[in-house]
C-alpha atoms as a PDB file:
ATOM      1  CA  MET A   1       0.000   0.000   0.000  1.00  0.00           C
ATOM      2  CA  ASP A   2       1.506   3.361  -1.015  1.00  0.00           C
ATOM      3  CA  ASN A   3       1.253   6.555   1.013  1.00  0.00           C
ATOM      4  CA  GLN A   4      -1.539   8.038  -1.102  1.00  0.00           C
ATOM      5  CA  GLN A   5      -3.757   5.014  -0.590  1.00  0.00           C
ATOM      6  CA  LEU A   6      -3.020   5.159   3.125  1.00  0.00           C
ATOM      7  CA  TYR A   7      -3.938   8.824   3.422  1.00  0.00           C
ATOM      8  CA  ASP A   8      -7.156   8.162   1.533  1.00  0.00           C
ATOM      9  CA  GLU A   9      -7.952   5.891   4.485  1.00  0.00           C
ATOM     10  CA  ILE A  10      -6.652   7.986   7.406  1.00  0.00           C
ATOM     11  CA  PRO A  11      -8.253  11.431   7.064  1.00  0.00           C
ATOM     12  CA  SER A  12      -6.065  14.502   6.760  1.00  0.00           C
ATOM     13  CA  LEU A  13      -7.596  17.464   8.597  1.00  0.00           C
ATOM     14  CA  ASP A  14      -6.673  21.116   9.145  1.00  0.00           C
ATOM     15  CA  LEU A  15      -6.822  22.343  12.756  1.00  0.00           C
ATOM     16  CA  ALA A  16      -7.252  25.879  11.369  1.00  0.00           C
ATOM     17  CA  ASP A  17     -10.785  24.850  10.388  1.00  0.00           C
ATOM     18  CA  PHE A  18     -11.614  24.337  14.056  1.00  0.00           C
ATOM     19  CA  THR A  19     -10.007  27.581  15.253  1.00  0.00           C
ATOM     20  CA  SER A  20     -11.132  29.729  12.275  1.00  0.00           C
ATOM     21  CA  GLY A  21     -14.199  31.237  13.937  1.00  0.00           C
ATOM     22  CA  ASP A  22     -16.314  29.952  11.045  1.00  0.00           C
ATOM     23  CA  PRO A  23     -19.104  27.783  12.572  1.00  0.00           C
ATOM     24  CA  THR A  24     -19.499  25.706   9.396  1.00  0.00           C
ATOM     25  CA  ARG A  25     -15.790  24.871   9.127  1.00  0.00           C
ATOM     26  CA  LYS A  26     -15.633  24.170  12.850  1.00  0.00           C
ATOM     27  CA  ALA A  27     -18.616  21.801  12.780  1.00  0.00           C
ATOM     28  CA  ALA A  28     -17.221  19.946   9.747  1.00  0.00           C
ATOM     29  CA  PHE A  29     -13.884  19.485  11.532  1.00  0.00           C
ATOM     30  CA  VAL A  30     -15.619  18.121  14.653  1.00  0.00           C
ATOM     31  CA  GLN A  31     -17.562  15.531  12.670  1.00  0.00           C
ATOM     32  CA  ALA A  32     -14.566  14.499  10.552  1.00  0.00           C
ATOM     33  CA  LEU A  33     -12.319  14.126  13.616  1.00  0.00           C
ATOM     34  CA  GLY A  34     -14.921  12.199  15.590  1.00  0.00           C
ATOM     35  CA  GLY A  35     -15.744   9.991  12.620  1.00  0.00           C
ATOM     36  CA  ALA A  36     -12.087   9.074  12.142  1.00  0.00           C
ATOM     37  CA  PHE A  37     -11.640   8.303  15.846  1.00  0.00           C
ATOM     38  CA  ASN A  38     -14.839   6.245  15.806  1.00  0.00           C
ATOM     39  CA  ASN A  39     -13.626   4.250  12.803  1.00  0.00           C
ATOM     40  CA  ILE A  40      -9.844   3.771  12.712  1.00  0.00           C
ATOM     41  CA  GLY A  41      -8.616   5.784  15.717  1.00  0.00           C
ATOM     42  CA  PHE A  42      -6.023   7.812  13.770  1.00  0.00           C
ATOM     43  CA  VAL A  43      -6.063  11.120  11.891  1.00  0.00           C
ATOM     44  CA  ALA A  44      -3.405  13.375  10.310  1.00  0.00           C
ATOM     45  CA  ILE A  45      -3.514  17.063  11.359  1.00  0.00           C
ATOM     46  CA  LYS A  46      -1.858  20.118   9.830  1.00  0.00           C
ATOM     47  CA  ASN A  47      -1.472  23.603  11.352  1.00  0.00           C
ATOM     48  CA  HIS A  48      -0.537  21.923  14.634  1.00  0.00           C
ATOM     49  CA  GLY A  49       1.742  24.705  15.907  1.00  0.00           C
ATOM     50  CA  LEU A  50       5.233  23.331  15.203  1.00  0.00           C
ATOM     51  CA  THR A  51       7.361  24.870  12.468  1.00  0.00           C
ATOM     52  CA  GLU A  52       9.789  23.065  10.195  1.00  0.00           C
ATOM     53  CA  GLU A  53      12.658  24.813  11.992  1.00  0.00           C
ATOM     54  CA  SER A  54      11.414  23.872  15.475  1.00  0.00           C
ATOM     55  CA  ILE A  55      11.090  20.212  14.455  1.00  0.00           C
ATOM     56  CA  LYS A  56      14.589  20.257  12.964  1.00  0.00           C
ATOM     57  CA  ASN A  57      16.045  21.781  16.146  1.00  0.00           C
ATOM     58  CA  LEU A  58      14.168  19.288  18.322  1.00  0.00           C
ATOM     59  CA  TYR A  59      15.410  16.225  16.458  1.00  0.00           C
ATOM     60  CA  SER A  60      18.957  17.568  16.309  1.00  0.00           C
ATOM     61  CA  SER A  61      19.073  18.062  20.086  1.00  0.00           C
ATOM     62  CA  VAL A  62      17.490  14.664  20.784  1.00  0.00           C
ATOM     63  CA  LYS A  63      19.960  12.852  18.512  1.00  0.00           C
ATOM     64  CA  ALA A  64      22.878  14.621  20.205  1.00  0.00           C
ATOM     65  CA  PHE A  65      21.811  13.341  23.619  1.00  0.00           C
ATOM     66  CA  PHE A  66      21.236   9.744  22.518  1.00  0.00           C
ATOM     67  CA  GLN A  67      24.572   9.648  20.713  1.00  0.00           C
ATOM     68  CA  SER A  68      26.341  10.396  24.010  1.00  0.00           C
ATOM     69  CA  ASP A  69      28.019   7.617  26.005  1.00  0.00           C
ATOM     70  CA  ASP A  70      26.052   5.343  28.326  1.00  0.00           C
ATOM     71  CA  ALA A  71      27.619   6.842  31.464  1.00  0.00           C
ATOM     72  CA  THR A  72      26.272  10.295  30.549  1.00  0.00           C
ATOM     73  CA  LYS A  73      22.804   8.972  29.799  1.00  0.00           C
ATOM     74  CA  LYS A  74      22.664   6.917  32.996  1.00  0.00           C
ATOM     75  CA  LYS A  75      23.222  10.080  35.051  1.00  0.00           C
ATOM     76  CA  TYR A  76      19.646  11.019  34.174  1.00  0.00           C
ATOM     77  CA  GLU A  77      17.986   7.673  34.877  1.00  0.00           C
ATOM     78  CA  LYS A  78      16.032   8.107  38.119  1.00  0.00           C
ATOM     79  CA  LEU A  79      14.555   4.715  39.003  1.00  0.00           C
ATOM     80  CA  GLU A  80      12.569   6.173  41.884  1.00  0.00           C
ATOM     81  CA  LEU A  81      10.494   8.162  39.349  1.00  0.00           C
ATOM     82  CA  ASN A  82       9.204   4.949  37.706  1.00  0.00           C
ATOM     83  CA  GLY A  83      10.139   6.118  34.240  1.00  0.00           C
ATOM     84  CA  GLN A  84       7.979   9.245  34.435  1.00  0.00           C
ATOM     85  CA  ARG A  85      10.867  11.723  34.101  1.00  0.00           C
ATOM     86  CA  GLY A  86      14.353  11.576  32.658  1.00  0.00           C
ATOM     87  CA  TYR A  87      16.157   8.782  30.843  1.00  0.00           C
ATOM     88  CA  VAL A  88      14.787   5.230  30.635  1.00  0.00           C
ATOM     89  CA  GLY A  89      17.435   2.744  29.523  1.00  0.00           C
ATOM     90  CA  LYS A  90      17.447  -0.192  27.145  1.00  0.00           C
ATOM     91  CA  GLY A  91      15.408  -3.212  28.160  1.00  0.00           C
ATOM     92  CA  ARG A  92      13.326  -1.434  30.816  1.00  0.00           C
ATOM     93  CA  GLU A  93       9.941  -1.308  29.062  1.00  0.00           C
ATOM     94  CA  THR A  94       7.959  -4.349  27.942  1.00  0.00           C
ATOM     95  CA  ALA A  95       4.646  -3.916  26.145  1.00  0.00           C
ATOM     96  CA  LYS A  96       1.551  -5.202  27.945  1.00  0.00           C
ATOM     97  CA  GLY A  97       1.220  -8.907  27.166  1.00  0.00           C
ATOM     98  CA  SER A  98       4.710  -9.196  25.639  1.00  0.00           C
ATOM     99  CA  LYS A  99       7.385 -11.443  27.117  1.00  0.00           C
ATOM    100  CA  VAL A 100      10.372  -9.612  25.565  1.00  0.00           C
ATOM    101  CA  ALA A 101      11.491  -6.033  26.274  1.00  0.00           C
ATOM    102  CA  ASP A 102      11.194  -3.476  23.483  1.00  0.00           C
ATOM    103  CA  LEU A 103      14.374  -2.550  21.597  1.00  0.00           C
ATOM    104  CA  LYS A 104      14.515   1.116  22.558  1.00  0.00           C
ATOM    105  CA  GLU A 105      15.643   3.757  25.034  1.00  0.00           C
ATOM    106  CA  PHE A 106      13.816   7.006  25.711  1.00  0.00           C
ATOM    107  CA  TYR A 107      13.627  10.234  27.678  1.00  0.00           C
ATOM    108  CA  HIS A 108      10.528  11.640  29.382  1.00  0.00           C
ATOM    109  CA  ILE A 109       9.695  15.328  29.747  1.00  0.00           C
ATOM    110  CA  GLY A 110       6.722  16.313  31.919  1.00  0.00           C
ATOM    111  CA  GLN A 111       5.014  19.558  32.932  1.00  0.00           C
ATOM    112  CA  PRO A 112       7.493  22.449  32.552  1.00  0.00           C
ATOM    113  CA  GLU A 113       6.140  23.990  35.784  1.00  0.00           C
ATOM    114  CA  PRO A 114       5.057  21.068  37.984  1.00  0.00           C
ATOM    115  CA  VAL A 115       2.446  21.573  40.681  1.00  0.00           C
ATOM    116  CA  GLY A 116       1.654  19.675  43.880  1.00  0.00           C
ATOM    117  CA  ASP A 117       3.493  16.367  44.183  1.00  0.00           C
ATOM    118  CA  MET A 118       4.275  16.234  40.461  1.00  0.00           C
ATOM    119  CA  PRO A 119       7.996  15.444  39.899  1.00  0.00           C
ATOM    120  CA  ALA A 120      10.240  18.099  38.387  1.00  0.00           C
ATOM    121  CA  ASN A 121      11.874  17.500  35.039  1.00  0.00           C
ATOM    122  CA  VAL A 122      15.316  15.921  34.880  1.00  0.00           C
ATOM    123  CA  LEU A 123      17.258  17.711  32.133  1.00  0.00           C
ATOM    124  CA  PRO A 124      20.755  16.837  30.837  1.00  0.00           C
ATOM    125  CA  GLU A 125      23.106  19.658  31.768  1.00  0.00           C
ATOM    126  CA  GLU A 126      25.567  18.637  29.020  1.00  0.00           C
ATOM    127  CA  TYR A 127      22.907  19.300  26.371  1.00  0.00           C
ATOM    128  CA  PRO A 128      21.049  22.551  27.227  1.00  0.00           C
ATOM    129  CA  GLU A 129      19.368  22.647  23.801  1.00  0.00           C
ATOM    130  CA  PHE A 130      17.722  19.299  24.585  1.00  0.00           C
ATOM    131  CA  GLY A 131      15.855  20.892  27.486  1.00  0.00           C
ATOM    132  CA  GLN A 132      15.087  24.063  25.544  1.00  0.00           C
ATOM    133  CA  PHE A 133      13.553  22.386  22.491  1.00  0.00           C
ATOM    134  CA  THR A 134      11.748  19.549  24.282  1.00  0.00           C
ATOM    135  CA  LEU A 135      10.061  22.007  26.671  1.00  0.00           C
ATOM    136  CA  GLU A 136       9.075  24.270  23.752  1.00  0.00           C
ATOM    137  CA  THR A 137       7.547  21.290  21.962  1.00  0.00           C
ATOM    138  CA  TYR A 138       5.763  20.184  25.129  1.00  0.00           C
ATOM    139  CA  ARG A 139       4.069  23.577  25.492  1.00  0.00           C
ATOM    140  CA  THR A 140       3.083  23.672  21.814  1.00  0.00           C
ATOM    141  CA  PHE A 141       1.624  20.177  21.776  1.00  0.00           C
ATOM    142  CA  GLU A 142      -0.187  20.679  25.077  1.00  0.00           C
ATOM    143  CA  HIS A 143      -1.976  23.667  23.528  1.00  0.00           C
ATOM    144  CA  THR A 144      -2.733  21.736  20.325  1.00  0.00           C
ATOM    145  CA  GLY A 145      -3.982  18.762  22.334  1.00  0.00           C
ATOM    146  CA  ARG A 146      -6.385  20.981  24.265  1.00  0.00           C
ATOM    147  CA  GLN A 147      -7.849  22.270  20.996  1.00  0.00           C
ATOM    148  CA  LEU A 148      -8.338  18.711  19.758  1.00  0.00           C
ATOM    149  CA  LEU A 149      -9.990  17.691  23.033  1.00  0.00           C
ATOM    150  CA  ARG A 150     -12.405  20.608  22.661  1.00  0.00           C
ATOM    151  CA  ALA A 151     -13.393  19.217  19.263  1.00  0.00           C
ATOM    152  CA  ILE A 152     -13.735  15.709  20.721  1.00  0.00           C
ATOM    153  CA  ALA A 153     -15.983  17.058  23.501  1.00  0.00           C
ATOM    154  CA  LEU A 154     -18.304  18.621  20.924  1.00  0.00           C
ATOM    155  CA  TYR A 155     -18.414  15.376  18.931  1.00  0.00           C
ATOM    156  CA  LEU A 156     -19.462  13.572  22.122  1.00  0.00           C
ATOM    157  CA  GLU A 157     -22.152  16.254  22.670  1.00  0.00           C
ATOM    158  CA  LEU A 158     -20.436  17.446  25.825  1.00  0.00           C
ATOM    159  CA  PRO A 159     -19.683  21.081  26.741  1.00  0.00           C
ATOM    160  CA  GLU A 160     -16.753  22.265  24.609  1.00  0.00           C
ATOM    161  CA  ASP A 161     -14.646  22.889  27.713  1.00  0.00           C
ATOM    162  CA  TYR A 162     -15.423  19.452  29.248  1.00  0.00           C
ATOM    163  CA  PHE A 163     -11.761  18.366  29.283  1.00  0.00           C
ATOM    164  CA  GLU A 164     -10.239  21.741  30.203  1.00  0.00           C
ATOM    165  CA  ASP A 165     -10.178  21.360  33.992  1.00  0.00           C
ATOM    166  CA  LYS A 166      -9.201  17.697  33.651  1.00  0.00           C
ATOM    167  CA  VAL A 167      -6.043  18.311  31.606  1.00  0.00           C
ATOM    168  CA  ALA A 168      -4.944  21.555  33.282  1.00  0.00           C
ATOM    169  CA  ASN A 169      -1.606  20.661  34.932  1.00  0.00           C
ATOM    170  CA  GLY A 170      -2.142  17.125  33.680  1.00  0.00           C
ATOM    171  CA  ASP A 171       0.327  14.259  33.626  1.00  0.00           C
ATOM    172  CA  SER A 172       1.172  14.634  29.923  1.00  0.00           C
ATOM    173  CA  ILE A 173       4.512  13.308  28.730  1.00  0.00           C
ATOM    174  CA  LEU A 174       6.773  14.165  25.790  1.00  0.00           C
ATOM    175  CA  ARG A 175       8.766  11.031  24.964  1.00  0.00           C
ATOM    176  CA  ALA A 176      11.982  11.334  22.951  1.00  0.00           C
ATOM    177  CA  LEU A 177      12.601   7.825  21.593  1.00  0.00           C
ATOM    178  CA  HIS A 178      15.752   6.244  20.234  1.00  0.00           C
ATOM    179  CA  TYR A 179      15.367   2.886  18.524  1.00  0.00           C
ATOM    180  CA  PHE A 180      19.031   1.920  18.532  1.00  0.00           C
ATOM    181  CA  PRO A 181      20.860   0.001  15.755  1.00  0.00           C
ATOM    182  CA  LEU A 182      20.291  -3.750  15.827  1.00  0.00           C
ATOM    183  CA  ASP A 183      22.572  -6.712  15.231  1.00  0.00           C
ATOM    184  CA  PRO A 184      20.532  -9.394  13.417  1.00  0.00           C
ATOM    185  CA  ASN A 185      22.771 -12.080  14.931  1.00  0.00           C
ATOM    186  CA  THR A 186      22.204 -11.106  18.562  1.00  0.00           C
ATOM    187  CA  THR A 187      18.679  -9.611  18.627  1.00  0.00           C
ATOM    188  CA  PRO A 188      16.508 -11.793  20.922  1.00  0.00           C
ATOM    189  CA  ASN A 189      13.869 -13.894  19.213  1.00  0.00           C
ATOM    190  CA  GLY A 190      10.544 -12.084  19.108  1.00  0.00           C
ATOM    191  CA  ALA A 191      12.043  -8.736  20.142  1.00  0.00           C
ATOM    192  CA  VAL A 192      10.899  -5.686  18.168  1.00  0.00           C
ATOM    193  CA  ARG A 193      11.417  -1.965  18.504  1.00  0.00           C
ATOM    194  CA  ALA A 194       7.933  -1.532  20.009  1.00  0.00           C
ATOM    195  CA  ALA A 195       5.613  -4.511  20.395  1.00  0.00           C
ATOM    196  CA  ALA A 196       1.919  -4.160  19.560  1.00  0.00           C
ATOM    197  CA  HIS A 197       0.189  -1.890  22.086  1.00  0.00           C
ATOM    198  CA  GLY A 198      -2.400   0.793  22.699  1.00  0.00           C
ATOM    199  CA  ASP A 199      -1.340   4.096  24.270  1.00  0.00           C
ATOM    200  CA  ILE A 200      -2.328   4.716  27.896  1.00  0.00           C
ATOM    201  CA  ASN A 201      -3.452   8.330  27.620  1.00  0.00           C
ATOM    202  CA  LEU A 202      -6.333  10.397  26.154  1.00  0.00           C
ATOM    203  CA  ILE A 203      -4.746  11.256  22.790  1.00  0.00           C
ATOM    204  CA  THR A 204      -1.240  11.026  21.301  1.00  0.00           C
ATOM    205  CA  LEU A 205       0.329  13.568  18.947  1.00  0.00           C
ATOM    206  CA  LEU A 206       3.182  12.250  16.808  1.00  0.00           C
ATOM    207  CA  MET A 207       5.326  14.226  14.366  1.00  0.00           C
ATOM    208  CA  GLY A 208       7.148  12.447  11.550  1.00  0.00           C
ATOM    209  CA  ALA A 209       9.817   9.984  12.708  1.00  0.00           C
ATOM    210  CA  SER A 210      13.324   9.788  11.252  1.00  0.00           C
ATOM    211  CA  ALA A 211      12.554   6.442   9.547  1.00  0.00           C
ATOM    212  CA  ASP A 212       9.664   4.142   8.657  1.00  0.00           C
ATOM    213  CA  GLY A 213       8.499   1.384  10.980  1.00  0.00           C
ATOM    214  CA  LEU A 214       5.213   2.499  12.566  1.00  0.00           C
ATOM    215  CA  GLU A 215       2.319   0.168  11.713  1.00  0.00           C
ATOM    216  CA  VAL A 216      -1.371   0.346  12.643  1.00  0.00           C
ATOM    217  CA  LEU A 217      -3.704  -2.641  13.013  1.00  0.00           C
ATOM    218  CA  ARG A 218      -6.810  -2.163  10.894  1.00  0.00           C
ATOM    219  CA  ARG A 219     -10.165  -3.600  11.890  1.00  0.00           C
ATOM    220  CA  ASP A 220      -9.810  -6.316   9.264  1.00  0.00           C
ATOM    221  CA  GLY A 221      -6.668  -7.551  11.038  1.00  0.00           C
ATOM    222  CA  LYS A 222      -4.202  -6.159   8.492  1.00  0.00           C
ATOM    223  CA  TRP A 223      -1.145  -4.147   9.571  1.00  0.00           C
ATOM    224  CA  ILE A 224      -0.560  -0.979   7.511  1.00  0.00           C
ATOM    225  CA  GLY A 225       2.465   1.329   7.566  1.00  0.00           C
ATOM    226  CA  ILE A 226       1.940   4.965   8.513  1.00  0.00           C
ATOM    227  CA  THR A 227       4.259   7.959   8.270  1.00  0.00           C
ATOM    228  CA  ALA A 228       3.332  11.566   9.059  1.00  0.00           C
ATOM    229  CA  LEU A 229       3.807  13.926   6.132  1.00  0.00           C
ATOM    230  CA  PRO A 230       6.264  16.795   6.732  1.00  0.00           C
ATOM    231  CA  ASP A 231       3.573  19.365   7.615  1.00  0.00           C
ATOM    232  CA  GLN A 232       1.378  17.005   9.641  1.00  0.00           C
ATOM    233  CA  VAL A 233       1.222  15.251  12.962  1.00  0.00           C
ATOM    234  CA  VAL A 234      -0.591  11.964  13.419  1.00  0.00           C
ATOM    235  CA  VAL A 235      -3.101  11.958  16.281  1.00  0.00           C
ATOM    236  CA  ASN A 236      -4.544   8.790  17.775  1.00  0.00           C
ATOM    237  CA  VAL A 237      -6.936   7.791  20.535  1.00  0.00           C
ATOM    238  CA  GLY A 238      -5.438   6.381  23.738  1.00  0.00           C
ATOM    239  CA  ASP A 239      -6.868   3.825  26.149  1.00  0.00           C
ATOM    240  CA  MET A 240      -8.157   6.447  28.610  1.00  0.00           C
ATOM    241  CA  LEU A 241     -10.370   8.083  25.980  1.00  0.00           C
ATOM    242  CA  ASP A 242     -11.449   4.629  24.806  1.00  0.00           C
ATOM    243  CA  ARG A 243     -12.549   3.795  28.367  1.00  0.00           C
ATOM    244  CA  LEU A 244     -14.306   7.135  28.855  1.00  0.00           C
ATOM    245  CA  THR A 245     -16.329   6.633  25.652  1.00  0.00           C
ATOM    246  CA  ASN A 246     -16.971   2.906  26.178  1.00  0.00           C
ATOM    247  CA  HIS A 247     -14.988   2.098  23.002  1.00  0.00           C
ATOM    248  CA  LYS A 248     -16.941   4.556  20.847  1.00  0.00           C
ATOM    249  CA  LEU A 249     -13.650   6.327  20.177  1.00  0.00           C
ATOM    250  CA  LYS A 250     -11.177   3.545  19.557  1.00  0.00           C
ATOM    251  CA  SER A 251      -7.657   3.152  20.879  1.00  0.00           C
ATOM    252  CA  THR A 252      -5.962   1.569  17.913  1.00  0.00           C
ATOM    253  CA  ILE A 253      -3.280  -1.076  18.343  1.00  0.00           C
ATOM    254  CA  HIS A 254       0.043  -0.095  16.764  1.00  0.00           C
ATOM    255  CA  GLN A 255       3.675  -1.247  16.739  1.00  0.00           C
ATOM    256  CA  VAL A 256       7.136  -0.292  15.492  1.00  0.00           C
ATOM    257  CA  VAL A 257       8.636  -3.162  13.527  1.00  0.00           C
ATOM    258  CA  ASN A 258      12.311  -3.882  13.043  1.00  0.00           C
ATOM    259  CA  PRO A 259      13.822  -2.591   9.799  1.00  0.00           C
ATOM    260  CA  PRO A 260      14.876  -4.920   6.979  1.00  0.00           C
ATOM    261  CA  ARG A 261      18.231  -6.604   7.577  1.00  0.00           C
ATOM    262  CA  GLU A 262      20.159  -4.147   5.378  1.00  0.00           C
ATOM    263  CA  LYS A 263      18.904  -1.198   7.500  1.00  0.00           C
ATOM    264  CA  MET A 264      19.288  -2.763  10.961  1.00  0.00           C
ATOM    265  CA  GLY A 265      22.477  -0.795  11.587  1.00  0.00           C
ATOM    266  CA  SER A 266      20.558   2.495  11.502  1.00  0.00           C
ATOM    267  CA  SER A 267      18.911   4.354  14.356  1.00  0.00           C
ATOM    268  CA  ARG A 268      15.281   5.492  14.338  1.00  0.00           C
ATOM    269  CA  TYR A 269      14.118   8.539  16.316  1.00  0.00           C
ATOM    270  CA  SER A 270      10.525   9.369  17.185  1.00  0.00           C
ATOM    271  CA  ILE A 271       8.974  11.976  19.525  1.00  0.00           C
ATOM    272  CA  PRO A 272       5.342  11.396  20.557  1.00  0.00           C
ATOM    273  CA  PHE A 273       3.416  13.600  22.968  1.00  0.00           C
ATOM    274  CA  PHE A 274       1.086  11.667  25.273  1.00  0.00           C
ATOM    275  CA  MET A 275      -1.800  13.893  26.423  1.00  0.00           C
ATOM    276  CA  HIS A 276      -2.801  12.813  29.931  1.00  0.00           C
ATOM    277  CA  PRO A 277      -5.357  14.267  32.334  1.00  0.00           C
ATOM    278  CA  ARG A 278      -4.683  14.772  36.011  1.00  0.00           C
ATOM    279  CA  GLY A 279      -4.714  11.605  38.064  1.00  0.00           C
ATOM    280  CA  ASP A 280      -8.039  12.436  39.719  1.00  0.00           C
ATOM    281  CA  MET A 281     -10.033  12.408  36.447  1.00  0.00           C
ATOM    282  CA  ASN A 282     -12.893   9.901  36.571  1.00  0.00           C
ATOM    283  CA  LEU A 283     -12.613   7.523  33.584  1.00  0.00           C
ATOM    284  CA  SER A 284     -16.006   5.883  34.180  1.00  0.00           C
ATOM    285  CA  SER A 285     -17.680   5.457  30.791  1.00  0.00           C
ATOM    286  CA  LEU A 286     -20.037   8.291  29.855  1.00  0.00           C
ATOM    287  CA  ASP A 287     -23.708   7.398  30.235  1.00  0.00           C
ATOM    288  CA  THR A 288     -24.325   8.675  26.695  1.00  0.00           C
ATOM    289  CA  CYS A 289     -21.948   6.008  25.329  1.00  0.00           C
ATOM    290  CA  ILE A 290     -23.761   3.092  27.016  1.00  0.00           C
ATOM    291  CA  ASP A 291     -26.973   1.502  25.751  1.00  0.00           C
ATOM    292  CA  ALA A 292     -28.491  -1.908  25.009  1.00  0.00           C
ATOM    293  CA  GLU A 293     -26.371  -2.292  21.861  1.00  0.00           C
ATOM    294  CA  HIS A 294     -23.241  -0.979  23.607  1.00  0.00           C
ATOM    295  CA  PRO A 295     -23.142  -2.431  27.132  1.00  0.00           C
ATOM    296  CA  LYS A 296     -20.568  -1.058  29.560  1.00  0.00           C
ATOM    297  CA  LEU A 297     -17.150  -2.636  28.872  1.00  0.00           C
ATOM    298  CA  TYR A 298     -14.868  -1.238  31.552  1.00  0.00           C
ATOM    299  CA  ALA A 299     -14.638  -1.105  35.335  1.00  0.00           C
ATOM    300  CA  ASP A 300     -14.756   2.360  36.909  1.00  0.00           C
ATOM    301  CA  MET A 301     -11.419   3.887  37.883  1.00  0.00           C
ATOM    302  CA  THR A 302      -9.546   7.176  37.914  1.00  0.00           C
ATOM    303  CA  ALA A 303      -6.851   8.143  35.437  1.00  0.00           C
ATOM    304  CA  GLY A 304      -4.262   7.838  38.209  1.00  0.00           C
ATOM    305  CA  GLU A 305      -5.356   4.314  39.089  1.00  0.00           C
ATOM    306  CA  PHE A 306      -5.283   3.294  35.434  1.00  0.00           C
ATOM    307  CA  LEU A 307      -1.851   4.830  34.867  1.00  0.00           C
ATOM    308  CA  ASN A 308      -0.462   3.061  37.928  1.00  0.00           C
ATOM    309  CA  GLU A 309      -1.852  -0.277  36.724  1.00  0.00           C
ATOM    310  CA  ARG A 310      -0.263   0.169  33.299  1.00  0.00           C
ATOM    311  CA  LEU A 311       3.129   1.278  34.647  1.00  0.00           C
ATOM    312  CA  ILE A 312       3.287  -1.982  36.596  1.00  0.00           C
ATOM    313  CA  GLU A 313       2.276  -3.976  33.488  1.00  0.00           C
ATOM    314  CA  LEU A 314       5.002  -2.209  31.477  1.00  0.00           C
ATOM    315  CA  GLY A 315       7.652  -3.092  34.060  1.00  0.00           C
ATOM    316  CA  LEU A 316       8.423   0.549  34.886  1.00  0.00           C
ATOM    317  CA  LYS A 317       6.982   0.292  38.396  1.00  0.00           C
ATOM    318  CA  GLN A 318       7.175  -2.525  40.940  1.00  0.00           C
END
């Protein structure tokens, strides 16, 4: 399947339609976004707030950090933070249901100005641009994510600001990912860069990665490759939003496969933004999403309880 066929299937939308002030454009965006999330769970968005230059600077600073020696990186691995801030080393995260750790290392950036008992960011002092550009991206994507959640609220026939107080000072994470080069002779059997999984959060925003590899599981059971175009970010539904809407908006299973043998010696970089609410948000399925044809699927719990459960399943928390 070529990229054009793929983008015929995953809608490409313009966030400027939602923010234009034109009620007709705004309503069309809401229905198109909701329809995509109801069907496949993914959509491509342009006018998302990042510039070509900011993306270039971000990736350059992230690559510089990951190309440093292991001793430098380990300085910023804080095990007591359960992988929620700072560096997370190779072999530490295993997808839910998988028996083999993912082939990756990553770095987590949280709220730039933490409140309450929220942990402060752990930033590498040797690479000041890393902190500068990741924090800038965090702020941009948090704003973009709030706009998208406003559109989702309208699609669900909720007040437009339904999510606002739930994501204010939320537990969102910017994850800078390095899928390191692989040796085909020593890679463990069954190990892949990121095993099949659904994201934990409300929505995920993902700019284009440095190489192919991301695949999405369609409803017919077929895996299809997906790559964000240069001026777009890919946005998908996470498990929290799936729970809240009783699977009306679908958290789509996705994975990052290993490259072909001739490209195994190359790195892959990817930087998703995971939009989380505060831990006290109630994820109980909305009454409007439950009826005789759609019985309630999920047990009631808060976002914090769900996050804690998943961190244990991922091996990041004991």
